[in-house]
Protein backbone atom coordinates (compact mmCIF):
# COMPACT_ATOMS: atom_id res chain seq x y z
CA MET A 1 0.45 -0.09 0.17
CA ASN A 2 1.47 3.58 -0.98
CA ILE A 3 0.57 6.70 0.76
CA ALA A 4 0.35 10.03 -1.45
CA GLU A 5 0.22 13.81 -0.45
CA THR A 6 0.44 15.01 -3.39
CA ILE A 7 -2.88 15.27 -6.17
CA ASN A 8 -0.09 14.91 -8.54
CA GLN A 9 1.20 11.55 -7.37
CA VAL A 10 -2.32 10.39 -7.25
CA ARG A 11 -2.94 11.14 -10.57
CA GLN A 12 -0.01 9.32 -11.88
CA THR A 13 -0.98 6.12 -10.16
CA VAL A 14 -4.52 6.31 -11.15
CA LYS A 15 -3.44 6.53 -14.74
CA LEU A 16 -1.18 3.98 -14.69
CA TRP A 17 -4.01 1.38 -13.39
CA LYS A 18 -6.47 3.26 -15.86
CA GLY A 19 -3.61 1.96 -18.86
CA GLN A 20 -3.76 -1.11 -17.15
CA GLY A 21 -7.47 -1.51 -17.58
CA LEU A 22 -8.33 -1.77 -13.72
CA THR A 23 -11.35 0.00 -12.17
CA VAL A 24 -10.41 1.90 -9.38
CA GLY A 25 -12.62 3.05 -6.39
CA LEU A 26 -12.65 5.43 -3.57
CA VAL A 27 -13.30 5.92 0.00
CA PRO A 28 -13.19 9.88 0.93
CA THR A 29 -12.96 9.99 4.90
CA MET A 30 -12.06 12.26 7.54
CA GLY A 31 -9.64 9.89 9.14
CA PHE A 32 -9.98 8.39 12.93
CA LEU A 33 -11.43 5.51 11.21
CA HIS A 34 -13.74 3.25 12.65
CA GLU A 35 -15.62 -0.23 11.43
CA GLY A 36 -17.73 1.65 9.01
CA HIS A 37 -14.76 3.12 7.22
CA GLU A 38 -13.31 -0.16 7.17
CA SER A 39 -16.56 -1.62 5.77
CA LEU A 40 -16.63 0.88 3.00
CA ILE A 41 -12.66 -0.13 2.25
CA ARG A 42 -14.11 -3.47 2.31
CA GLN A 43 -16.94 -3.22 -0.35
CA SER A 44 -14.52 -1.16 -2.63
CA VAL A 45 -11.80 -4.05 -2.58
CA LYS A 46 -14.79 -6.38 -3.33
CA ASP A 47 -16.17 -4.52 -6.18
CA ASN A 48 -12.79 -2.92 -7.99
CA ASP A 49 -9.31 -3.84 -8.95
CA ARG A 50 -7.94 -1.04 -6.71
CA THR A 51 -9.04 1.36 -3.93
CA VAL A 52 -8.15 4.75 -2.82
CA VAL A 53 -8.59 5.81 0.27
CA SER A 54 -8.41 10.21 1.01
CA ILE A 55 -7.78 11.12 4.94
CA PHE A 56 -8.28 14.67 4.87
CA VAL A 57 -9.59 16.24 7.79
CA ASN A 58 -11.73 18.90 5.23
CA PRO A 59 -11.77 22.73 7.52
CA MET A 60 -13.78 24.17 4.53
CA GLN A 61 -16.91 21.77 5.65
CA PHE A 62 -16.03 22.82 9.29
CA GLY A 63 -18.31 26.07 10.76
CA LYS A 64 -17.49 28.54 13.40
CA ASN A 65 -16.78 27.28 17.15
CA GLU A 66 -17.11 23.71 15.13
CA ASP A 67 -14.58 20.66 16.36
CA LEU A 68 -12.16 21.38 13.63
CA GLU A 69 -8.97 21.79 15.96
CA THR A 70 -10.30 19.28 17.81
CA TYR A 71 -10.70 16.75 15.47
CA PRO A 72 -9.69 13.25 16.29
CA ARG A 73 -6.86 12.34 14.05
CA ASP A 74 -4.55 9.43 14.01
CA PHE A 75 -2.87 8.74 10.92
CA GLN A 76 -1.04 5.81 11.85
CA ARG A 77 -3.46 3.92 13.23
CA ASP A 78 -5.66 4.65 10.07
CA SER A 79 -2.75 3.87 7.64
CA ARG A 80 -3.09 0.34 9.89
CA ILE A 81 -6.84 -0.05 9.24
CA CYS A 82 -6.54 0.64 5.08
CA GLN A 83 -4.10 -1.68 4.69
CA GLU A 84 -5.81 -4.55 6.85
CA ALA A 85 -8.94 -3.74 4.40
CA GLY A 86 -6.89 -4.28 1.64
CA ALA A 87 -6.24 -0.20 0.27
CA ASP A 88 -3.66 0.21 -2.43
CA LEU A 89 -3.63 4.00 -1.70
CA ILE A 90 -4.21 6.26 0.57
CA PHE A 91 -4.04 9.87 -0.11
CA HIS A 92 -3.55 12.25 2.53
CA PRO A 93 -2.94 15.73 1.56
CA ALA A 94 -2.07 18.92 3.49
CA PRO A 95 -4.78 21.63 3.22
CA GLU A 96 -2.45 23.64 1.30
CA GLU A 97 -2.20 21.00 -1.31
CA MET A 98 -6.01 21.01 -1.84
CA TYR A 99 -7.27 24.64 -1.18
CA PRO A 100 -3.55 26.65 -2.62
CA PRO A 101 -3.53 30.29 -1.86
CA GLN A 102 -6.18 32.53 -3.87
CA PHE A 103 -8.18 29.55 -4.05
CA PHE A 104 -11.27 30.82 -5.49
CA THR A 105 -13.45 28.28 -6.79
CA TYR A 106 -16.44 26.54 -4.96
CA THR A 107 -19.04 23.79 -5.23
CA ASP A 108 -22.14 24.33 -3.74
CA MET A 109 -26.43 23.05 -3.89
CA ASP A 110 -29.43 24.81 -3.06
CA THR A 111 -32.49 22.89 -2.06
CA LEU A 112 -31.19 19.71 -0.68
CA THR A 113 -29.02 21.18 1.81
CA ASP A 114 -31.45 23.58 2.87
CA GLY A 115 -32.68 21.33 5.67
CA LEU A 116 -31.63 18.77 8.26
CA CYS A 117 -28.25 19.62 9.09
CA GLY A 118 -27.90 22.26 6.36
CA SER A 119 -30.05 24.16 8.66
CA GLY A 120 -27.78 24.95 11.31
CA ARG A 121 -24.64 24.21 9.89
CA PRO A 122 -24.40 27.30 7.13
CA GLY A 123 -21.53 26.29 4.72
CA HIS A 124 -21.61 22.94 5.13
CA PHE A 125 -22.48 21.54 2.24
CA ARG A 126 -20.65 24.16 0.29
CA GLY A 127 -17.18 22.28 2.10
CA VAL A 128 -18.67 19.12 1.47
CA CYS A 129 -19.35 19.49 -1.98
CA THR A 130 -16.02 20.96 -2.81
CA VAL A 131 -14.30 18.68 -1.55
CA VAL A 132 -15.85 15.54 -2.43
CA GLY A 133 -15.81 17.10 -6.37
CA LYS A 134 -12.32 17.54 -6.30
CA LEU A 135 -11.57 13.85 -4.77
CA PHE A 136 -13.53 12.93 -7.75
CA HIS A 137 -11.63 14.62 -10.22
CA ILE A 138 -8.29 13.62 -8.39
CA ALA A 139 -8.86 10.07 -8.25
CA ALA A 140 -11.25 9.67 -11.13
CA PRO A 141 -13.11 6.68 -9.36
CA ASP A 142 -15.23 4.27 -11.33
CA ARG A 143 -16.93 4.25 -7.77
CA ALA A 144 -17.24 6.05 -4.44
CA TYR A 145 -18.38 5.13 -1.37
CA PHE A 146 -20.56 6.36 1.01
CA GLY A 147 -22.52 5.43 4.30
CA GLN A 148 -25.84 5.81 4.93
CA LYS A 149 -25.39 7.15 8.65
CA ASP A 150 -24.70 10.66 7.00
CA ALA A 151 -27.89 10.25 4.87
CA GLN A 152 -27.88 13.84 3.80
CA GLN A 153 -24.99 14.18 2.42
CA LEU A 154 -25.47 10.82 0.54
CA ALA A 155 -28.47 12.52 -0.83
CA VAL A 156 -26.25 15.71 -2.00
CA ILE A 157 -23.45 13.76 -3.24
CA LYS A 158 -25.41 12.02 -5.65
CA LYS A 159 -27.38 14.65 -7.05
CA MET A 160 -24.30 16.41 -7.68
CA VAL A 161 -22.64 13.42 -9.15
CA ARG A 162 -26.02 13.52 -11.38
CA ASP A 163 -26.30 17.68 -12.03
CA LEU A 164 -22.59 17.73 -13.07
CA ASN A 165 -22.14 14.84 -15.09
CA PHE A 166 -19.72 12.80 -13.21
CA ASP A 167 -18.74 9.65 -15.01
CA LEU A 168 -18.91 7.32 -11.49
CA GLU A 169 -21.32 5.69 -9.39
CA VAL A 170 -22.01 6.69 -6.34
CA VAL A 171 -22.21 3.70 -3.88
CA GLY A 172 -24.22 4.08 -0.33
CA CYS A 173 -23.03 1.59 2.22
CA PRO A 174 -25.48 0.54 5.67
CA THR A 175 -24.85 1.94 8.83
CA VAL A 176 -22.59 0.06 10.91
CA ARG A 177 -23.17 0.13 14.71
CA GLU A 178 -22.40 -0.65 18.22
CA ALA A 179 -23.83 -3.34 20.16
CA ASP A 180 -25.90 -1.45 21.94
CA GLY A 181 -27.21 0.04 18.57
CA LEU A 182 -25.06 3.40 18.63
CA ALA A 183 -23.79 4.43 14.89
CA LYS A 184 -20.03 3.77 14.57
CA SER A 185 -18.97 7.87 14.53
CA SER A 186 -15.44 9.45 14.69
CA ARG A 187 -16.86 11.93 17.11
CA ASN A 188 -18.09 8.58 19.60
CA SER A 189 -15.03 9.21 21.23
CA TYR A 190 -16.01 12.86 22.81
CA LEU A 191 -18.79 11.15 24.47
CA SER A 192 -18.03 10.92 28.57
CA GLU A 193 -18.58 7.28 30.18
CA GLU A 194 -22.49 8.42 31.23
CA GLU A 195 -23.35 10.78 27.60
CA ARG A 196 -21.88 6.84 25.91
CA LYS A 197 -24.54 5.26 28.29
CA GLN A 198 -27.51 7.49 27.37
CA ALA A 199 -26.54 7.84 23.29
CA PRO A 200 -28.01 4.55 22.24
CA VAL A 201 -31.65 6.13 22.89
CA LEU A 202 -31.14 7.64 19.11
CA ARG A 203 -31.52 4.16 17.80
CA GLN A 204 -34.27 3.36 20.18
CA ALA A 205 -36.05 6.16 19.13
CA LEU A 206 -35.60 5.27 15.40
CA SER A 207 -36.65 2.03 15.91
CA TYR A 208 -39.68 2.88 17.49
CA ALA A 209 -40.66 5.19 14.83
CA GLU A 210 -39.99 1.73 12.21
CA ALA A 211 -41.98 -0.02 14.05
CA ALA A 212 -44.50 2.27 13.98
CA VAL A 213 -44.92 2.57 10.50
CA ARG A 214 -44.67 -0.95 10.15
CA ALA A 215 -47.99 -1.07 12.56
CA GLY A 216 -49.31 1.13 10.35
CA GLU A 217 -49.07 4.51 11.60
CA THR A 218 -48.18 7.49 9.28
CA ASP A 219 -48.77 10.90 11.07
CA VAL A 220 -45.25 12.36 11.66
CA LYS A 221 -46.33 14.37 14.65
CA THR A 222 -47.56 11.37 16.23
CA ILE A 223 -44.69 9.08 15.57
CA ARG A 224 -42.11 12.19 16.45
CA ASP A 225 -43.93 13.29 20.00
CA GLU A 226 -42.98 9.67 21.13
CA MET A 227 -39.46 9.86 19.99
CA ILE A 228 -39.14 13.22 21.66
CA ARG A 229 -40.63 11.64 24.87
CA MET A 230 -38.02 8.97 24.51
CA ILE A 231 -35.07 11.18 24.07
CA GLU A 232 -35.97 13.54 26.53
CA THR A 233 -35.98 10.66 29.33
CA LYS A 234 -32.18 10.95 28.58
CA PRO A 235 -31.39 13.73 30.78
CA LEU A 236 -27.89 14.30 29.25
CA ALA A 237 -29.62 14.59 25.27
CA ARG A 238 -30.63 18.01 23.55
CA ILE A 239 -32.73 17.38 20.69
CA GLU A 240 -31.57 19.56 17.51
CA TYR A 241 -33.72 18.23 15.01
CA ILE A 242 -36.21 15.24 14.56
CA GLU A 243 -37.16 15.82 10.61
CA PHE A 244 -39.54 13.07 8.36
CA VAL A 245 -38.47 14.25 4.94
CA ASP A 246 -39.07 12.61 1.53
CA GLY A 247 -36.53 10.26 0.83
CA GLU A 248 -35.42 11.62 -2.47
CA THR A 249 -35.91 15.54 -2.41
CA LEU A 250 -35.61 16.02 1.68
CA GLN A 251 -38.37 18.25 1.70
CA PRO A 252 -40.27 17.85 4.61
CA VAL A 253 -43.83 15.55 4.97
CA SER A 254 -46.70 15.28 7.41
CA ARG A 255 -47.29 11.49 6.43
CA VAL A 256 -44.90 8.52 5.98
CA GLU A 257 -44.96 7.81 2.10
CA LYS A 258 -42.57 5.49 1.04
CA PRO A 259 -39.64 6.80 0.25
CA ALA A 260 -39.10 8.80 3.43
CA LEU A 261 -36.17 9.15 5.75
CA ALA A 262 -36.47 9.87 9.44
CA ALA A 263 -33.17 11.72 10.47
CA LEU A 264 -32.10 13.24 13.69
CA ALA A 265 -29.56 15.24 15.22
CA VAL A 266 -28.97 15.27 19.17
CA ARG A 267 -26.42 16.93 21.27
CA PHE A 268 -24.69 15.32 24.47
CA GLY A 269 -22.66 18.08 26.04
CA LYS A 270 -20.47 19.48 22.94
CA THR A 271 -21.06 15.89 21.02
CA ARG A 272 -23.52 16.22 17.99
CA LEU A 273 -24.81 12.36 16.96
CA ILE A 274 -26.45 11.95 13.87
CA ASP A 275 -28.47 8.84 12.78
CA ASN A 276 -31.24 8.41 10.91
CA CYS A 277 -33.75 5.20 9.49
CA PHE A 278 -35.19 4.98 6.08
CA PHE A 279 -38.75 3.88 5.03
CA GLN A 280 -38.41 1.88 1.45
């Protein structure tokens, strides 16, 4: 497994692979890898001849007072995970490699980014679209892999690929969870012991929503009110949002009509956790 720190190094390697008729998968990450990232890498290795993993804490998608400086980093551990999962190349650029002086060009989106995480994190998805678009151009993948835990991000990237005619397939992979249901996340490391004990209520609330819909309940207010009640039984939880949206447009809905998405963001102390479930 090789490590590249420059765009030219990645392009030269991928050009060599493509010249040999090999397919390329890309797994974009911000590092501090966990089993969720590992599952994406393994899926790419299964689907493609070569796999590139990008490890880049993207400053453009962090807002004011967010955790850019304290975001967890452990490149040696990340490298070991990538190698064990079968990756062929790690792209680990410095911020100035991705955003040189006098960088003025951005990729943005509206509508799909108006609600959910986009409403409380202005500029976040401009940062996501810009860096992912750059990675697509740099690595020229046949397929790119993203986790379904970040459902809005996945929808935004799929839409960007369609709208801007990127020649690749975006593959969404299932959320990987702890034994108690908490979705794997790099930010779980921020949780105190007591916060960690209470955090599985997110999955419990979403499981209730799934069971309610299976039982025939479609009224969003009825389902959401019970989810709020469940989460508020945990004294350290502060709900940022619980939303039900159309599965394609991400616009709010008052009744669950498939396809639909239930998504939530809850804070425990300074840690912001997200999760979701699909109704298909």
